[in-house]
Amino acid sequence: MRLRRLVCLIALAAGLSACSQEIDYTPEQRSCIAQHYSAYDAKQINQCVDVCRLCMKGNTVTCNTSCRLRGAS
């Protein structure tokens, strides 16, 4: 029983640590963002979706969902 709890707690901790809202951008993506926004704010939904579509090659639906999951409004 104790082993099961330990395994569950480790799995939960690993899952939560993977839920970081910070994105690691590649140098190419950073360059693209800088070309489109001098002061990029990932919390602004319109900026987030534009950058996702233009620099990460996403589409409007998936980018909108992704941005909202990361806290943009």
PDB file of N, CA and C in Angstrom:
ATOM      1  N   MET A   1       0.824  -1.193   0.000  1.00  0.00           N
ATOM      2  CA  MET A   1       0.000   0.000   0.000  1.00  0.00           C
ATOM      3  C   MET A   1       0.868   1.256   0.000  1.00  0.00           C
ATOM      4  N   ARG A   2       1.935   1.273   0.793  1.00  0.00           N
ATOM      5  CA  ARG A   2       2.822   2.436   0.845  1.00  0.00           C
ATOM      6  C   ARG A   2       3.545   2.631  -0.483  1.00  0.00           C
ATOM      7  N   LEU A   3       3.918   1.526  -1.110  1.00  0.00           N
ATOM      8  CA  LEU A   3       4.605   1.604  -2.394  1.00  0.00           C
ATOM      9  C   LEU A   3       3.684   2.210  -3.452  1.00  0.00           C
ATOM     10  N   ARG A   4       2.423   1.823  -3.429  1.00  0.00           N
ATOM     11  CA  ARG A   4       1.456   2.354  -4.385  1.00  0.00           C
ATOM     12  C   ARG A   4       1.300   3.860  -4.206  1.00  0.00           C
ATOM     13  N   ARG A   5       1.231   4.325  -2.958  1.00  0.00           N
ATOM     14  CA  ARG A   5       1.121   5.763  -2.690  1.00  0.00           C
ATOM     15  C   ARG A   5       2.352   6.512  -3.179  1.00  0.00           C
ATOM     16  N   LEU A   6       3.509   5.934  -2.920  1.00  0.00           N
ATOM     17  CA  LEU A   6       4.759   6.555  -3.348  1.00  0.00           C
ATOM     18  C   LEU A   6       4.815   6.675  -4.866  1.00  0.00           C
ATOM     19  N   VAL A   7       4.441   5.616  -5.554  1.00  0.00           N
ATOM     20  CA  VAL A   7       4.437   5.640  -7.023  1.00  0.00           C
ATOM     21  C   VAL A   7       3.451   6.686  -7.529  1.00  0.00           C
ATOM     22  N   CYS A   8       2.282   6.772  -6.923  1.00  0.00           N
ATOM     23  CA  CYS A   8       1.277   7.766  -7.331  1.00  0.00           C
ATOM     24  C   CYS A   8       1.783   9.188  -7.092  1.00  0.00           C
ATOM     25  N   LEU A   9       2.425   9.432  -5.969  1.00  0.00           N
ATOM     26  CA  LEU A   9       2.950  10.756  -5.679  1.00  0.00           C
ATOM     27  C   LEU A   9       4.067  11.140  -6.637  1.00  0.00           C
ATOM     28  N   ILE A  10       4.927  10.196  -6.969  1.00  0.00           N
ATOM     29  CA  ILE A  10       5.997  10.475  -7.922  1.00  0.00           C
ATOM     30  C   ILE A  10       5.420  10.783  -9.292  1.00  0.00           C
ATOM     31  N   ALA A  11       4.426  10.006  -9.714  1.00  0.00           N
ATOM     32  CA  ALA A  11       3.788  10.243 -11.012  1.00  0.00           C
ATOM     33  C   ALA A  11       3.091  11.602 -11.029  1.00  0.00           C
ATOM     34  N   LEU A  12       2.436  11.957  -9.964  1.00  0.00           N
ATOM     35  CA  LEU A  12       1.765  13.247  -9.872  1.00  0.00           C
ATOM     36  C   LEU A  12       2.776  14.394  -9.927  1.00  0.00           C
ATOM     37  N   ALA A  13       3.858  14.272  -9.199  1.00  0.00           N
ATOM     38  CA  ALA A  13       4.890  15.312  -9.202  1.00  0.00           C
ATOM     39  C   ALA A  13       5.506  15.468 -10.589  1.00  0.00           C
ATOM     40  N   ALA A  14       5.760  14.362 -11.258  1.00  0.00           N
ATOM     41  CA  ALA A  14       6.332  14.422 -12.608  1.00  0.00           C
ATOM     42  C   ALA A  14       5.346  15.072 -13.575  1.00  0.00           C
ATOM     43  N   GLY A  15       4.088  14.736 -13.439  1.00  0.00           N
ATOM     44  CA  GLY A  15       3.069  15.333 -14.309  1.00  0.00           C
ATOM     45  C   GLY A  15       2.925  16.820 -14.097  1.00  0.00           C
ATOM     46  N   LEU A  16       2.934  17.258 -12.861  1.00  0.00           N
ATOM     47  CA  LEU A  16       2.810  18.682 -12.563  1.00  0.00           C
ATOM     48  C   LEU A  16       4.036  19.467 -13.008  1.00  0.00           C
ATOM     49  N   SER A  17       5.199  18.876 -12.894  1.00  0.00           N
ATOM     50  CA  SER A  17       6.408  19.588 -13.311  1.00  0.00           C
ATOM     51  C   SER A  17       6.453  19.749 -14.824  1.00  0.00           C
ATOM     52  N   ALA A  18       5.773  18.880 -15.547  1.00  0.00           N
ATOM     53  CA  ALA A  18       5.736  18.969 -17.013  1.00  0.00           C
ATOM     54  C   ALA A  18       4.722  20.000 -17.492  1.00  0.00           C
ATOM     55  N   CYS A  19       3.937  20.552 -16.597  1.00  0.00           N
ATOM     56  CA  CYS A  19       2.881  21.491 -16.969  1.00  0.00           C
ATOM     57  C   CYS A  19       3.342  22.945 -16.935  1.00  0.00           C
ATOM     58  N   SER A  20       4.583  23.186 -17.144  1.00  0.00           N
ATOM     59  CA  SER A  20       5.082  24.549 -17.132  1.00  0.00           C
ATOM     60  C   SER A  20       4.441  25.361 -18.243  1.00  0.00           C
ATOM     61  N   GLN A  21       4.073  26.605 -17.952  1.00  0.00           N
ATOM     62  CA  GLN A  21       3.463  27.459 -18.962  1.00  0.00           C
ATOM     63  C   GLN A  21       4.502  28.245 -19.739  1.00  0.00           C
ATOM     64  N   GLU A  22       5.756  28.115 -19.371  1.00  0.00           N
ATOM     65  CA  GLU A  22       6.826  28.776 -20.108  1.00  0.00           C
ATOM     66  C   GLU A  22       7.161  27.982 -21.351  1.00  0.00           C
ATOM     67  N   ILE A  23       7.332  28.681 -22.450  1.00  0.00           N
ATOM     68  CA  ILE A  23       7.666  28.035 -23.705  1.00  0.00           C
ATOM     69  C   ILE A  23       9.121  28.322 -24.026  1.00  0.00           C
ATOM     70  N   ASP A  24       9.828  27.303 -24.460  1.00  0.00           N
ATOM     71  CA  ASP A  24      11.197  27.492 -24.925  1.00  0.00           C
ATOM     72  C   ASP A  24      11.143  27.709 -26.429  1.00  0.00           C
ATOM     73  N   TYR A  25      11.410  28.935 -26.859  1.00  0.00           N
ATOM     74  CA  TYR A  25      11.388  29.263 -28.279  1.00  0.00           C
ATOM     75  C   TYR A  25      12.744  28.987 -28.906  1.00  0.00           C
ATOM     76  N   THR A  26      12.741  28.537 -30.149  1.00  0.00           N
ATOM     77  CA  THR A  26      13.987  28.365 -30.885  1.00  0.00           C
ATOM     78  C   THR A  26      14.480  29.745 -31.316  1.00  0.00           C
ATOM     79  N   PRO A  27      15.740  29.861 -31.697  1.00  0.00           N
ATOM     80  CA  PRO A  27      16.239  31.158 -32.177  1.00  0.00           C
ATOM     81  C   PRO A  27      15.449  31.672 -33.389  1.00  0.00           C
ATOM     82  N   GLU A  28      15.033  30.771 -34.269  1.00  0.00           N
ATOM     83  CA  GLU A  28      14.246  31.187 -35.432  1.00  0.00           C
ATOM     84  C   GLU A  28      12.892  31.740 -35.012  1.00  0.00           C
ATOM     85  N   GLN A  29      12.276  31.102 -34.017  1.00  0.00           N
ATOM     86  CA  GLN A  29      10.982  31.569 -33.524  1.00  0.00           C
ATOM     87  C   GLN A  29      11.137  32.918 -32.829  1.00  0.00           C
ATOM     88  N   ARG A  30      12.197  33.091 -32.066  1.00  0.00           N
ATOM     89  CA  ARG A  30      12.446  34.383 -31.405  1.00  0.00           C
ATOM     90  C   ARG A  30      12.627  35.498 -32.435  1.00  0.00           C
ATOM     91  N   SER A  31      13.329  35.194 -33.510  1.00  0.00           N
ATOM     92  CA  SER A  31      13.531  36.172 -34.575  1.00  0.00           C
ATOM     93  C   SER A  31      12.202  36.538 -35.230  1.00  0.00           C
ATOM     94  N   CYS A  32      11.382  35.537 -35.493  1.00  0.00           N
ATOM     95  CA  CYS A  32      10.067  35.772 -36.097  1.00  0.00           C
ATOM     96  C   CYS A  32       9.199  36.629 -35.177  1.00  0.00           C
ATOM     97  N   ILE A  33       9.197  36.326 -33.896  1.00  0.00           N
ATOM     98  CA  ILE A  33       8.412  37.101 -32.926  1.00  0.00           C
ATOM     99  C   ILE A  33       8.881  38.551 -32.918  1.00  0.00           C
ATOM    100  N   ALA A  34      10.192  38.759 -32.910  1.00  0.00           N
ATOM    101  CA  ALA A  34      10.748  40.114 -32.895  1.00  0.00           C
ATOM    102  C   ALA A  34      10.380  40.886 -34.161  1.00  0.00           C
ATOM    103  N   GLN A  35      10.268  40.194 -35.281  1.00  0.00           N
ATOM    104  CA  GLN A  35       9.884  40.860 -36.537  1.00  0.00           C
ATOM    105  C   GLN A  35       8.439  41.346 -36.488  1.00  0.00           C
ATOM    106  N   HIS A  36       7.586  40.624 -35.777  1.00  0.00           N
ATOM    107  CA  HIS A  36       6.166  40.968 -35.757  1.00  0.00           C
ATOM    108  C   HIS A  36       5.754  41.829 -34.570  1.00  0.00           C
ATOM    109  N   TYR A  37       6.431  41.665 -33.432  1.00  0.00           N
ATOM    110  CA  TYR A  37       6.058  42.405 -32.221  1.00  0.00           C
ATOM    111  C   TYR A  37       7.314  42.902 -31.519  1.00  0.00           C
ATOM    112  N   SER A  38       7.420  44.204 -31.347  1.00  0.00           N
ATOM    113  CA  SER A  38       8.572  44.746 -30.623  1.00  0.00           C
ATOM    114  C   SER A  38       8.439  44.486 -29.127  1.00  0.00           C
ATOM    115  N   ALA A  39       7.209  44.451 -28.643  1.00  0.00           N
ATOM    116  CA  ALA A  39       6.945  44.170 -27.228  1.00  0.00           C
ATOM    117  C   ALA A  39       5.899  43.053 -27.148  1.00  0.00           C
ATOM    118  N   TYR A  40       6.335  41.833 -27.408  1.00  0.00           N
ATOM    119  CA  TYR A  40       5.419  40.682 -27.421  1.00  0.00           C
ATOM    120  C   TYR A  40       4.945  40.342 -26.019  1.00  0.00           C
ATOM    121  N   ASP A  41       3.631  40.182 -25.874  1.00  0.00           N
ATOM    122  CA  ASP A  41       3.022  39.792 -24.602  1.00  0.00           C
ATOM    123  C   ASP A  41       2.207  38.530 -24.845  1.00  0.00           C
ATOM    124  N   ALA A  42       2.716  37.394 -24.375  1.00  0.00           N
ATOM    125  CA  ALA A  42       2.062  36.100 -24.603  1.00  0.00           C
ATOM    126  C   ALA A  42       0.707  35.996 -23.910  1.00  0.00           C
ATOM    127  N   LYS A  43       0.412  36.902 -22.988  1.00  0.00           N
ATOM    128  CA  LYS A  43      -0.873  36.878 -22.286  1.00  0.00           C
ATOM    129  C   LYS A  43      -1.976  37.585 -23.081  1.00  0.00           C
ATOM    130  N   GLN A  44      -1.616  38.281 -24.153  1.00  0.00           N
ATOM    131  CA  GLN A  44      -2.604  38.910 -25.036  1.00  0.00           C
ATOM    132  C   GLN A  44      -3.002  37.885 -26.095  1.00  0.00           C
ATOM    133  N   ILE A  45      -4.263  37.497 -26.110  1.00  0.00           N
ATOM    134  CA  ILE A  45      -4.719  36.402 -26.976  1.00  0.00           C
ATOM    135  C   ILE A  45      -4.435  36.678 -28.453  1.00  0.00           C
ATOM    136  N   ASN A  46      -4.637  37.910 -28.893  1.00  0.00           N
ATOM    137  CA  ASN A  46      -4.422  38.192 -30.317  1.00  0.00           C
ATOM    138  C   ASN A  46      -2.948  38.070 -30.689  1.00  0.00           C
ATOM    139  N   GLN A  47      -2.052  38.537 -29.831  1.00  0.00           N
ATOM    140  CA  GLN A  47      -0.626  38.421 -30.102  1.00  0.00           C
ATOM    141  C   GLN A  47      -0.183  36.964 -30.037  1.00  0.00           C
ATOM    142  N   CYS A  48      -0.653  36.259 -29.046  1.00  0.00           N
ATOM    143  CA  CYS A  48      -0.286  34.860 -28.876  1.00  0.00           C
ATOM    144  C   CYS A  48      -0.708  34.027 -30.091  1.00  0.00           C
ATOM    145  N   VAL A  49      -1.938  34.209 -30.542  1.00  0.00           N
ATOM    146  CA  VAL A  49      -2.443  33.448 -31.693  1.00  0.00           C
ATOM    147  C   VAL A  49      -1.677  33.829 -32.958  1.00  0.00           C
ATOM    148  N   ASP A  50      -1.418  35.114 -33.166  1.00  0.00           N
ATOM    149  CA  ASP A  50      -0.656  35.542 -34.347  1.00  0.00           C
ATOM    150  C   ASP A  50       0.727  34.906 -34.372  1.00  0.00           C
ATOM    151  N   VAL A  51       1.424  34.964 -33.248  1.00  0.00           N
ATOM    152  CA  VAL A  51       2.766  34.397 -33.176  1.00  0.00           C
ATOM    153  C   VAL A  51       2.721  32.884 -33.391  1.00  0.00           C
ATOM    154  N   CYS A  52       1.759  32.229 -32.790  1.00  0.00           N
ATOM    155  CA  CYS A  52       1.612  30.785 -32.961  1.00  0.00           C
ATOM    156  C   CYS A  52       1.404  30.433 -34.430  1.00  0.00           C
ATOM    157  N   ARG A  53       0.517  31.161 -35.089  1.00  0.00           N
ATOM    158  CA  ARG A  53       0.216  30.892 -36.500  1.00  0.00           C
ATOM    159  C   ARG A  53       1.406  31.207 -37.397  1.00  0.00           C
ATOM    160  N   LEU A  54       2.007  32.378 -37.203  1.00  0.00           N
ATOM    161  CA  LEU A  54       3.055  32.835 -38.105  1.00  0.00           C
ATOM    162  C   LEU A  54       4.417  32.204 -37.828  1.00  0.00           C
ATOM    163  N   CYS A  55       4.764  32.042 -36.575  1.00  0.00           N
ATOM    164  CA  CYS A  55       6.122  31.612 -36.225  1.00  0.00           C
ATOM    165  C   CYS A  55       6.222  30.129 -35.873  1.00  0.00           C
ATOM    166  N   MET A  56       5.100  29.529 -35.459  1.00  0.00           N
ATOM    167  CA  MET A  56       5.122  28.113 -35.103  1.00  0.00           C
ATOM    168  C   MET A  56       4.341  27.268 -36.105  1.00  0.00           C
ATOM    169  N   LYS A  57       3.880  27.913 -37.161  1.00  0.00           N
ATOM    170  CA  LYS A  57       3.179  27.234 -38.262  1.00  0.00           C
ATOM    171  C   LYS A  57       1.912  26.503 -37.807  1.00  0.00           C
ATOM    172  N   GLY A  58       1.203  27.106 -36.843  1.00  0.00           N
ATOM    173  CA  GLY A  58      -0.044  26.516 -36.361  1.00  0.00           C
ATOM    174  C   GLY A  58      -1.226  27.045 -37.137  1.00  0.00           C
ATOM    175  N   ASN A  59      -2.421  26.563 -36.797  1.00  0.00           N
ATOM    176  CA  ASN A  59      -3.636  27.112 -37.400  1.00  0.00           C
ATOM    177  C   ASN A  59      -4.447  27.814 -36.321  1.00  0.00           C
ATOM    178  N   THR A  60      -5.416  28.573 -36.731  1.00  0.00           N
ATOM    179  CA  THR A  60      -6.157  29.434 -35.805  1.00  0.00           C
ATOM    180  C   THR A  60      -6.784  28.648 -34.658  1.00  0.00           C
ATOM    181  N   VAL A  61      -7.386  27.518 -34.945  1.00  0.00           N
ATOM    182  CA  VAL A  61      -8.089  26.752 -33.904  1.00  0.00           C
ATOM    183  C   VAL A  61      -7.112  26.206 -32.874  1.00  0.00           C
ATOM    184  N   THR A  62      -6.075  25.528 -33.325  1.00  0.00           N
ATOM    185  CA  THR A  62      -5.132  24.941 -32.368  1.00  0.00           C
ATOM    186  C   THR A  62      -4.349  26.021 -31.626  1.00  0.00           C
ATOM    187  N   CYS A  63      -4.017  27.108 -32.301  1.00  0.00           N
ATOM    188  CA  CYS A  63      -3.285  28.191 -31.650  1.00  0.00           C
ATOM    189  C   CYS A  63      -4.150  28.875 -30.599  1.00  0.00           C
ATOM    190  N   ASN A  64      -5.406  29.091 -30.907  1.00  0.00           N
ATOM    191  CA  ASN A  64      -6.322  29.710 -29.944  1.00  0.00           C
ATOM    192  C   ASN A  64      -6.430  28.837 -28.701  1.00  0.00           C
ATOM    193  N   THR A  65      -6.596  27.536 -28.902  1.00  0.00           N
ATOM    194  CA  THR A  65      -6.701  26.613 -27.783  1.00  0.00           C
ATOM    195  C   THR A  65      -5.409  26.609 -26.972  1.00  0.00           C
ATOM    196  N   SER A  66      -4.272  26.517 -27.648  1.00  0.00           N
ATOM    197  CA  SER A  66      -2.979  26.487 -26.983  1.00  0.00           C
ATOM    198  C   SER A  66      -2.760  27.754 -26.154  1.00  0.00           C
ATOM    199  N   CYS A  67      -3.051  28.893 -26.737  1.00  0.00           N
ATOM    200  CA  CYS A  67      -2.858  30.167 -26.032  1.00  0.00           C
ATOM    201  C   CYS A  67      -3.742  30.270 -24.807  1.00  0.00           C
ATOM    202  N   ARG A  68      -4.976  29.849 -24.933  1.00  0.00           N
ATOM    203  CA  ARG A  68      -5.891  29.916 -23.779  1.00  0.00           C
ATOM    204  C   ARG A  68      -5.439  28.964 -22.671  1.00  0.00           C
ATOM    205  N   LEU A  69      -4.931  27.782 -23.046  1.00  0.00           N
ATOM    206  CA  LEU A  69      -4.435  26.847 -22.041  1.00  0.00           C
ATOM    207  C   LEU A  69      -3.220  27.398 -21.307  1.00  0.00           C
ATOM    208  N   ARG A  70      -2.473  28.264 -21.961  1.00  0.00           N
ATOM    209  CA  ARG A  70      -1.301  28.866 -21.328  1.00  0.00           C
ATOM    210  C   ARG A  70      -1.649  30.161 -20.600  1.00  0.00           C
ATOM    211  N   GLY A  71      -2.922  30.530 -20.573  1.00  0.00           N
ATOM    212  CA  GLY A  71      -3.346  31.664 -19.758  1.00  0.00           C
ATOM    213  C   GLY A  71      -3.577  32.969 -20.491  1.00  0.00           C
ATOM    214  N   ALA A  72      -3.539  32.966 -21.816  1.00  0.00           N
ATOM    215  CA  ALA A  72      -3.801  34.205 -22.554  1.00  0.00           C
ATOM    216  C   ALA A  72      -5.296  34.512 -22.522  1.00  0.00           C
ATOM    217  N   SER A  73      -5.599  35.796 -22.533  1.00  0.00           N
ATOM    218  CA  SER A  73      -7.018  36.196 -22.565  1.00  0.00           C
ATOM    219  C   SER A  73      -7.202  37.457 -23.361  1.00  0.00           C
TER     220      SER A  73
END
